[in-house]
Full PDB file with SEQRES, HELIX, SHEET, SSBOND, CRYST1, ORIGX, SCALE, CONECT and MASTER records, all heavy atoms in Angstrom:
SEQRES   1 A   34  TYR THR GLY PRO SER LEU PHE PHE ARG LEU GLY LYS GLY          
SEQRES   2 A   34  ASN PRO GLU GLN THR SER GLY LYS SER VAL GLN PRO GLY          
SEQRES   3 A   34  TRP ASP LEU GLY LEU GLY LEU ASP                              
SHEET    1 AA1 2 THR A   2  PHE A   8  0                                        
SHEET    2 AA1 2 VAL A  23  LEU A  29 -1                                        
CRYST1    1.000    1.000    1.000  90.00  90.00  90.00 P 1           1          
ORIGX1      1.000000  0.000000  0.000000        0.00000                         
ORIGX2      0.000000  1.000000  0.000000        0.00000                         
ORIGX3      0.000000  0.000000  1.000000        0.00000                         
SCALE1      1.000000  0.000000  0.000000        0.00000                         
SCALE2      0.000000  1.000000  0.000000        0.00000                         
SCALE3      0.000000  0.000000  1.000000        0.00000                         
ATOM      1  N   TYR A   1      55.542 218.845  27.718  1.00  0.00           N  
ATOM      2  CA  TYR A   1      54.795 220.065  27.431  1.00  0.00           C  
ATOM      3  C   TYR A   1      55.748 221.253  27.365  1.00  0.00           C  
ATOM      4  O   TYR A   1      56.835 221.254  27.929  1.00  0.00           O  
ATOM      5  CB  TYR A   1      53.713 220.308  28.478  1.00  0.00           C  
ATOM      6  CG  TYR A   1      54.221 220.658  29.863  1.00  0.00           C  
ATOM      7  CD1 TYR A   1      54.548 221.971  30.208  1.00  0.00           C  
ATOM      8  CD2 TYR A   1      54.375 219.674  30.834  1.00  0.00           C  
ATOM      9  CE1 TYR A   1      55.012 222.296  31.467  1.00  0.00           C  
ATOM     10  CE2 TYR A   1      54.835 219.986  32.100  1.00  0.00           C  
ATOM     11  CZ  TYR A   1      55.150 221.297  32.407  1.00  0.00           C  
ATOM     12  OH  TYR A   1      55.630 221.618  33.662  1.00  0.00           O  
ATOM     13  N   THR A   2      55.285 222.276  26.670  1.00  0.00           N  
ATOM     14  CA  THR A   2      55.995 223.545  26.611  1.00  0.00           C  
ATOM     15  C   THR A   2      54.990 224.633  26.256  1.00  0.00           C  
ATOM     16  O   THR A   2      53.910 224.346  25.737  1.00  0.00           O  
ATOM     17  CB  THR A   2      57.142 223.509  25.581  1.00  0.00           C  
ATOM     18  OG1 THR A   2      57.924 224.700  25.686  1.00  0.00           O  
ATOM     19  CG2 THR A   2      56.605 223.397  24.164  1.00  0.00           C  
ATOM     20  N   GLY A   3      55.347 225.867  26.563  1.00  0.00           N  
ATOM     21  CA  GLY A   3      54.457 226.964  26.222  1.00  0.00           C  
ATOM     22  C   GLY A   3      54.674 228.191  27.087  1.00  0.00           C  
ATOM     23  O   GLY A   3      55.410 228.147  28.079  1.00  0.00           O  
ATOM     24  N   PRO A   4      54.032 229.304  26.736  1.00  0.00           N  
ATOM     25  CA  PRO A   4      54.205 230.564  27.477  1.00  0.00           C  
ATOM     26  C   PRO A   4      53.385 230.586  28.757  1.00  0.00           C  
ATOM     27  O   PRO A   4      52.406 229.852  28.908  1.00  0.00           O  
ATOM     28  CB  PRO A   4      53.697 231.614  26.487  1.00  0.00           C  
ATOM     29  CG  PRO A   4      52.662 230.875  25.686  1.00  0.00           C  
ATOM     30  CD  PRO A   4      53.156 229.462  25.563  1.00  0.00           C  
ATOM     31  N   SER A   5      53.795 231.434  29.677  1.00  0.00           N  
ATOM     32  CA  SER A   5      53.019 231.680  30.894  1.00  0.00           C  
ATOM     33  C   SER A   5      53.181 233.142  31.286  1.00  0.00           C  
ATOM     34  O   SER A   5      54.213 233.758  31.007  1.00  0.00           O  
ATOM     35  CB  SER A   5      53.470 230.765  32.043  1.00  0.00           C  
ATOM     36  OG  SER A   5      54.753 231.133  32.505  1.00  0.00           O  
ATOM     37  N   LEU A   6      52.165 233.664  31.941  1.00  0.00           N  
ATOM     38  CA  LEU A   6      52.195 235.049  32.394  1.00  0.00           C  
ATOM     39  C   LEU A   6      51.936 235.098  33.893  1.00  0.00           C  
ATOM     40  O   LEU A   6      51.038 234.425  34.397  1.00  0.00           O  
ATOM     41  CB  LEU A   6      51.130 235.884  31.676  1.00  0.00           C  
ATOM     42  CG  LEU A   6      51.342 236.184  30.190  1.00  0.00           C  
ATOM     43  CD1 LEU A   6      50.167 236.991  29.651  1.00  0.00           C  
ATOM     44  CD2 LEU A   6      52.647 236.923  29.957  1.00  0.00           C  
ATOM     45  N   PHE A   7      52.753 235.889  34.593  1.00  0.00           N  
ATOM     46  CA  PHE A   7      52.521 236.231  35.993  1.00  0.00           C  
ATOM     47  C   PHE A   7      51.841 237.594  36.036  1.00  0.00           C  
ATOM     48  O   PHE A   7      52.385 238.579  35.534  1.00  0.00           O  
ATOM     49  CB  PHE A   7      53.846 236.334  36.760  1.00  0.00           C  
ATOM     50  CG  PHE A   7      54.364 235.032  37.315  1.00  0.00           C  
ATOM     51  CD1 PHE A   7      55.559 235.003  38.018  1.00  0.00           C  
ATOM     52  CD2 PHE A   7      53.672 233.840  37.153  1.00  0.00           C  
ATOM     53  CE1 PHE A   7      56.054 233.828  38.544  1.00  0.00           C  
ATOM     54  CE2 PHE A   7      54.152 232.653  37.675  1.00  0.00           C  
ATOM     55  CZ  PHE A   7      55.341 232.641  38.385  1.00  0.00           C  
ATOM     56  N   PHE A   8      50.647 237.668  36.657  1.00  0.00           N  
ATOM     57  CA  PHE A   8      49.986 238.945  36.906  1.00  0.00           C  
ATOM     58  C   PHE A   8      50.119 239.234  38.400  1.00  0.00           C  
ATOM     59  O   PHE A   8      49.493 238.544  39.219  1.00  0.00           O  
ATOM     60  CB  PHE A   8      48.515 238.888  36.499  1.00  0.00           C  
ATOM     61  CG  PHE A   8      48.297 238.717  35.018  1.00  0.00           C  
ATOM     62  CD1 PHE A   8      48.179 237.454  34.468  1.00  0.00           C  
ATOM     63  CD2 PHE A   8      48.224 239.817  34.179  1.00  0.00           C  
ATOM     64  CE1 PHE A   8      47.988 237.280  33.099  1.00  0.00           C  
ATOM     65  CE2 PHE A   8      48.029 239.665  32.820  1.00  0.00           C  
ATOM     66  CZ  PHE A   8      47.920 238.389  32.274  1.00  0.00           C  
ATOM     67  N   ARG A   9      50.926 240.219  38.754  1.00  0.00           N  
ATOM     68  CA  ARG A   9      51.198 240.504  40.165  1.00  0.00           C  
ATOM     69  C   ARG A   9      49.962 241.060  40.858  1.00  0.00           C  
ATOM     70  O   ARG A   9      49.285 241.944  40.342  1.00  0.00           O  
ATOM     71  CB  ARG A   9      52.361 241.491  40.293  1.00  0.00           C  
ATOM     72  CG  ARG A   9      52.742 241.820  41.733  1.00  0.00           C  
ATOM     73  CD  ARG A   9      54.011 242.675  41.785  1.00  0.00           C  
ATOM     74  NE  ARG A   9      53.917 243.857  40.964  1.00  0.00           N  
ATOM     75  CZ  ARG A   9      53.290 244.981  41.312  1.00  0.00           C  
ATOM     76  NH1 ARG A   9      52.689 245.049  42.483  1.00  0.00           N  
ATOM     77  NH2 ARG A   9      53.273 246.016  40.500  1.00  0.00           N  
ATOM     78  N   LEU A  10      49.675 240.508  42.035  1.00  0.00           N  
ATOM     79  CA  LEU A  10      48.572 240.994  42.851  1.00  0.00           C  
ATOM     80  C   LEU A  10      49.078 242.073  43.809  1.00  0.00           C  
ATOM     81  O   LEU A  10      50.167 241.963  44.349  1.00  0.00           O  
ATOM     82  CB  LEU A  10      47.945 239.845  43.643  1.00  0.00           C  
ATOM     83  CG  LEU A  10      47.353 238.703  42.807  1.00  0.00           C  
ATOM     84  CD1 LEU A  10      46.846 237.591  43.717  1.00  0.00           C  
ATOM     85  CD2 LEU A  10      46.233 239.219  41.910  1.00  0.00           C  
ATOM     86  N   GLY A  11      48.283 243.082  44.042  1.00  0.00           N  
ATOM     87  CA  GLY A  11      48.698 244.167  44.912  1.00  0.00           C  
ATOM     88  C   GLY A  11      49.363 245.279  44.128  1.00  0.00           C  
ATOM     89  O   GLY A  11      49.856 245.090  43.015  1.00  0.00           O  
ATOM     90  N   LYS A  12      49.412 246.451  44.721  1.00  0.00           N  
ATOM     91  CA  LYS A  12      49.992 247.616  44.082  1.00  0.00           C  
ATOM     92  C   LYS A  12      51.464 247.743  44.435  1.00  0.00           C  
ATOM     93  O   LYS A  12      51.870 247.488  45.557  1.00  0.00           O  
ATOM     94  CB  LYS A  12      49.248 248.886  44.504  1.00  0.00           C  
ATOM     95  CG  LYS A  12      47.784 248.924  44.067  1.00  0.00           C  
ATOM     96  CD  LYS A  12      47.117 250.207  44.501  1.00  0.00           C  
ATOM     97  CE  LYS A  12      45.663 250.242  44.054  1.00  0.00           C  
ATOM     98  NZ  LYS A  12      44.993 251.501  44.477  1.00  0.00           N  
ATOM     99  N   GLY A  13      52.253 248.140  43.450  1.00  0.00           N  
ATOM    100  CA  GLY A  13      53.664 248.394  43.687  1.00  0.00           C  
ATOM    101  C   GLY A  13      53.920 249.876  43.920  1.00  0.00           C  
ATOM    102  O   GLY A  13      53.134 250.728  43.523  1.00  0.00           O  
ATOM    103  N   ASN A  14      55.007 250.182  44.599  1.00  0.00           N  
ATOM    104  CA  ASN A  14      55.408 251.567  44.836  1.00  0.00           C  
ATOM    105  C   ASN A  14      56.537 251.907  43.868  1.00  0.00           C  
ATOM    106  O   ASN A  14      57.630 251.366  43.966  1.00  0.00           O  
ATOM    107  CB  ASN A  14      55.887 251.733  46.286  1.00  0.00           C  
ATOM    108  CG  ASN A  14      56.146 253.194  46.623  1.00  0.00           C  
ATOM    109  OD1 ASN A  14      56.309 254.027  45.736  1.00  0.00           O  
ATOM    110  ND2 ASN A  14      56.200 253.507  47.908  1.00  0.00           N  
ATOM    111  N   PRO A  15      56.297 252.795  42.883  1.00  0.00           N  
ATOM    112  CA  PRO A  15      57.317 253.085  41.885  1.00  0.00           C  
ATOM    113  C   PRO A  15      58.594 253.692  42.456  1.00  0.00           C  
ATOM    114  O   PRO A  15      59.610 253.737  41.785  1.00  0.00           O  
ATOM    115  CB  PRO A  15      56.613 254.063  40.924  1.00  0.00           C  
ATOM    116  CG  PRO A  15      55.457 254.596  41.677  1.00  0.00           C  
ATOM    117  CD  PRO A  15      55.061 253.564  42.667  1.00  0.00           C  
ATOM    118  N   GLU A  16      58.544 254.160  43.703  1.00  0.00           N  
ATOM    119  CA  GLU A  16      59.753 254.715  44.296  1.00  0.00           C  
ATOM    120  C   GLU A  16      60.622 253.636  44.944  1.00  0.00           C  
ATOM    121  O   GLU A  16      61.730 253.904  45.373  1.00  0.00           O  
ATOM    122  CB  GLU A  16      59.374 255.773  45.332  1.00  0.00           C  
ATOM    123  CG  GLU A  16      58.705 257.008  44.736  1.00  0.00           C  
ATOM    124  CD  GLU A  16      58.407 258.048  45.793  1.00  0.00           C  
ATOM    125  OE1 GLU A  16      58.588 257.742  46.988  1.00  0.00           O  
ATOM    126  OE2 GLU A  16      58.012 259.164  45.433  1.00  0.00           O  
ATOM    127  N   GLN A  17      60.086 252.403  45.034  1.00  0.00           N  
ATOM    128  CA  GLN A  17      60.823 251.321  45.644  1.00  0.00           C  
ATOM    129  C   GLN A  17      61.046 250.213  44.629  1.00  0.00           C  
ATOM    130  O   GLN A  17      60.478 250.208  43.546  1.00  0.00           O  
ATOM    131  CB  GLN A  17      60.062 250.771  46.855  1.00  0.00           C  
ATOM    132  CG  GLN A  17      59.836 251.799  47.953  1.00  0.00           C  
ATOM    133  CD  GLN A  17      59.003 251.228  49.080  1.00  0.00           C  
ATOM    134  OE1 GLN A  17      58.517 250.114  49.005  1.00  0.00           O  
ATOM    135  NE2 GLN A  17      58.853 251.994  50.134  1.00  0.00           N  
ATOM    136  N   THR A  18      61.902 249.249  45.007  1.00  0.00           N  
ATOM    137  CA  THR A  18      62.134 248.103  44.155  1.00  0.00           C  
ATOM    138  C   THR A  18      60.912 247.202  44.180  1.00  0.00           C  
ATOM    139  O   THR A  18      60.529 246.692  45.225  1.00  0.00           O  
ATOM    140  CB  THR A  18      63.360 247.309  44.643  1.00  0.00           C  
ATOM    141  OG1 THR A  18      64.496 248.175  44.648  1.00  0.00           O  
ATOM    142  CG2 THR A  18      63.631 246.128  43.737  1.00  0.00           C  
ATOM    143  N   SER A  19      60.276 247.026  43.054  1.00  0.00           N  
ATOM    144  CA  SER A  19      59.084 246.198  42.987  1.00  0.00           C  
ATOM    145  C   SER A  19      59.015 245.505  41.639  1.00  0.00           C  
ATOM    146  O   SER A  19      59.676 245.903  40.678  1.00  0.00           O  
ATOM    147  CB  SER A  19      57.820 247.038  43.206  1.00  0.00           C  
ATOM    148  OG  SER A  19      57.713 248.025  42.203  1.00  0.00           O  
ATOM    149  N   GLY A  20      58.212 244.432  41.591  1.00  0.00           N  
ATOM    150  CA  GLY A  20      58.075 243.680  40.354  1.00  0.00           C  
ATOM    151  C   GLY A  20      57.094 244.334  39.394  1.00  0.00           C  
ATOM    152  O   GLY A  20      56.207 245.088  39.791  1.00  0.00           O  
ATOM    153  N   LYS A  21      57.241 244.030  38.120  1.00  0.00           N  
ATOM    154  CA  LYS A  21      56.320 244.542  37.118  1.00  0.00           C  
ATOM    155  C   LYS A  21      54.952 243.908  37.297  1.00  0.00           C  
ATOM    156  O   LYS A  21      54.809 242.814  37.843  1.00  0.00           O  
ATOM    157  CB  LYS A  21      56.853 244.248  35.720  1.00  0.00           C  
ATOM    158  CG  LYS A  21      58.063 245.080  35.326  1.00  0.00           C  
ATOM    159  CD  LYS A  21      58.513 244.750  33.910  1.00  0.00           C  
ATOM    160  CE  LYS A  21      59.680 245.645  33.499  1.00  0.00           C  
ATOM    161  NZ  LYS A  21      60.173 245.320  32.122  1.00  0.00           N  
ATOM    162  N   SER A  22      53.946 244.589  36.807  1.00  0.00           N  
ATOM    163  CA  SER A  22      52.577 244.091  36.922  1.00  0.00           C  
ATOM    164  C   SER A  22      52.377 242.812  36.127  1.00  0.00           C  
ATOM    165  O   SER A  22      51.601 241.940  36.521  1.00  0.00           O  
ATOM    166  CB  SER A  22      51.580 245.154  36.449  1.00  0.00           C  
ATOM    167  OG  SER A  22      51.674 246.315  37.239  1.00  0.00           O  
ATOM    168  N   VAL A  23      53.065 242.684  34.993  1.00  0.00           N  
ATOM    169  CA  VAL A  23      52.976 241.493  34.156  1.00  0.00           C  
ATOM    170  C   VAL A  23      54.381 240.990  33.883  1.00  0.00           C  
ATOM    171  O   VAL A  23      55.235 241.753  33.435  1.00  0.00           O  
ATOM    172  CB  VAL A  23      52.253 241.788  32.825  1.00  0.00           C  
ATOM    173  CG1 VAL A  23      52.129 240.516  31.996  1.00  0.00           C  
ATOM    174  CG2 VAL A  23      50.892 242.402  33.073  1.00  0.00           C  
ATOM    175  N   GLN A  24      54.593 239.705  34.149  1.00  0.00           N  
ATOM    176  CA  GLN A  24      55.918 239.117  33.979  1.00  0.00           C  
ATOM    177  C   GLN A  24      55.801 237.852  33.135  1.00  0.00           C  
ATOM    178  O   GLN A  24      55.288 236.832  33.601  1.00  0.00           O  
ATOM    179  CB  GLN A  24      56.532 238.809  35.342  1.00  0.00           C  
ATOM    180  CG  GLN A  24      56.679 240.032  36.235  1.00  0.00           C  
ATOM    181  CD  GLN A  24      57.065 239.701  37.653  1.00  0.00           C  
ATOM    182  OE1 GLN A  24      57.567 238.619  37.931  1.00  0.00           O  
ATOM    183  NE2 GLN A  24      56.832 240.630  38.572  1.00  0.00           N  
ATOM    184  N   PRO A  25      56.254 237.889  31.874  1.00  0.00           N  
ATOM    185  CA  PRO A  25      56.133 236.727  31.001  1.00  0.00           C  
ATOM    186  C   PRO A  25      57.210 235.683  31.286  1.00  0.00           C  
ATOM    187  O   PRO A  25      58.268 235.982  31.840  1.00  0.00           O  
ATOM    188  CB  PRO A  25      56.311 237.333  29.601  1.00  0.00           C  
ATOM    189  CG  PRO A  25      57.198 238.530  29.834  1.00  0.00           C  
ATOM    190  CD  PRO A  25      56.813 239.064  31.181  1.00  0.00           C  
ATOM    191  N   GLY A  26      56.910 234.467  30.891  1.00  0.00           N  
ATOM    192  CA  GLY A  26      57.870 233.376  31.038  1.00  0.00           C  
ATOM    193  C   GLY A  26      57.585 232.285  30.024  1.00  0.00           C  
ATOM    194  O   GLY A  26      56.626 232.362  29.242  1.00  0.00           O  
ATOM    195  N   TRP A  27      58.433 231.254  30.049  1.00  0.00           N  
ATOM    196  CA  TRP A  27      58.247 230.105  29.156  1.00  0.00           C  
ATOM    197  C   TRP A  27      58.457 228.828  29.963  1.00  0.00           C  
ATOM    198  O   TRP A  27      59.445 228.696  30.668  1.00  0.00           O  
ATOM    199  CB  TRP A  27      59.215 230.153  27.983  1.00  0.00           C  
ATOM    200  CG  TRP A  27      58.843 229.161  26.910  1.00  0.00           C  
ATOM    201  CD1 TRP A  27      59.235 227.859  26.816  1.00  0.00           C  
ATOM    202  CD2 TRP A  27      57.984 229.400  25.794  1.00  0.00           C  
ATOM    203  NE1 TRP A  27      58.668 227.251  25.716  1.00  0.00           N  
ATOM    204  CE2 TRP A  27      57.893 228.190  25.070  1.00  0.00           C  
ATOM    205  CE3 TRP A  27      57.269 230.517  25.359  1.00  0.00           C  
ATOM    206  CZ2 TRP A  27      57.132 228.065  23.915  1.00  0.00           C  
ATOM    207  CZ3 TRP A  27      56.504 230.395  24.201  1.00  0.00           C  
ATOM    208  CH2 TRP A  27      56.445 229.181  23.487  1.00  0.00           C  
ATOM    209  N   ASP A  28      57.494 227.899  29.854  1.00  0.00           N  
ATOM    210  CA  ASP A  28      57.526 226.663  30.628  1.00  0.00           C  
ATOM    211  C   ASP A  28      57.995 225.496  29.782  1.00  0.00           C  
ATOM    212  O   ASP A  28      57.712 225.418  28.576  1.00  0.00           O  
ATOM    213  CB  ASP A  28      56.134 226.341  31.182  1.00  0.00           C  
ATOM    214  CG  ASP A  28      55.639 227.367  32.173  1.00  0.00           C  
ATOM    215  OD1 ASP A  28      56.483 228.111  32.730  1.00  0.00           O  
ATOM    216  OD2 ASP A  28      54.417 227.432  32.411  1.00  0.00           O  
ATOM    217  N   LEU A  29      58.651 224.549  30.441  1.00  0.00           N  
ATOM    218  CA  LEU A  29      59.117 223.330  29.797  1.00  0.00           C  
ATOM    219  C   LEU A  29      59.077 222.223  30.843  1.00  0.00           C  
ATOM    220  O   LEU A  29      59.571 222.414  31.963  1.00  0.00           O  
ATOM    221  CB  LEU A  29      60.546 223.506  29.266  1.00  0.00           C  
ATOM    222  CG  LEU A  29      61.167 222.338  28.506  1.00  0.00           C  
ATOM    223  CD1 LEU A  29      60.404 222.082  27.210  1.00  0.00           C  
ATOM    224  CD2 LEU A  29      62.642 222.622  28.210  1.00  0.00           C  
ATOM    225  N   GLY A  30      58.471 221.066  30.502  1.00  0.00           N  
ATOM    226  CA  GLY A  30      58.388 220.018  31.512  1.00  0.00           C  
ATOM    227  C   GLY A  30      57.924 218.696  30.951  1.00  0.00           C  
ATOM    228  O   GLY A  30      57.717 218.516  29.753  1.00  0.00           O  
ATOM    229  N   LEU A  31      57.744 217.729  31.859  1.00  0.00           N  
ATOM    230  CA  LEU A  31      57.290 216.386  31.507  1.00  0.00           C  
ATOM    231  C   LEU A  31      56.430 215.844  32.629  1.00  0.00           C  
ATOM    232  O   LEU A  31      56.359 216.415  33.709  1.00  0.00           O  
ATOM    233  CB  LEU A  31      58.479 215.461  31.231  1.00  0.00           C  
ATOM    234  CG  LEU A  31      59.643 215.450  32.234  1.00  0.00           C  
ATOM    235  CD1 LEU A  31      59.351 214.570  33.436  1.00  0.00           C  
ATOM    236  CD2 LEU A  31      60.919 214.978  31.561  1.00  0.00           C  
ATOM    237  N   GLY A  32      55.761 214.696  32.362  1.00  0.00           N  
ATOM    238  CA  GLY A  32      54.893 214.137  33.385  1.00  0.00           C  
ATOM    239  C   GLY A  32      54.285 212.826  32.958  1.00  0.00           C  
ATOM    240  O   GLY A  32      54.731 212.179  31.998  1.00  0.00           O  
ATOM    241  N   LEU A  33      53.227 212.433  33.667  1.00  0.00           N  
ATOM    242  CA  LEU A  33      52.502 211.192  33.407  1.00  0.00           C  
ATOM    243  C   LEU A  33      51.001 211.473  33.432  1.00  0.00           C  
ATOM    244  O   LEU A  33      50.510 212.190  34.312  1.00  0.00           O  
ATOM    245  CB  LEU A  33      52.822 210.135  34.463  1.00  0.00           C  
ATOM    246  CG  LEU A  33      54.150 209.386  34.371  1.00  0.00           C  
ATOM    247  CD1 LEU A  33      54.289 208.448  35.569  1.00  0.00           C  
ATOM    248  CD2 LEU A  33      54.264 208.604  33.069  1.00  0.00           C  
ATOM    249  N   ASP A  34      50.307 210.907  32.456  1.00  0.00           N  
ATOM    250  CA  ASP A  34      48.851 210.889  32.467  1.00  0.00           C  
ATOM    251  C   ASP A  34      48.426 209.479  32.895  1.00  0.00           C  
ATOM    252  O   ASP A  34      48.775 208.497  32.241  1.00  0.00           O  
ATOM    253  CB  ASP A  34      48.296 211.231  31.090  1.00  0.00           C  
ATOM    254  CG  ASP A  34      46.781 211.307  31.083  1.00  0.00           C  
ATOM    255  OD1 ASP A  34      46.123 210.270  31.314  1.00  0.00           O  
ATOM    256  OD2 ASP A  34      46.248 212.397  30.838  1.00  0.00           O  
TER     257      ASP A  34                                                      
MASTER        0    0    0    0    2    0    0    6  256    1    0    3          
END                                                                             
């Protein structure tokens, strides 16, 4: 499998401090068994 993924951060960030963005995109790649 492959495809995009989005992280939606829970909780409020403080713009005066180091914090993560509210939305963080990524791309997944993997394998498995059905």
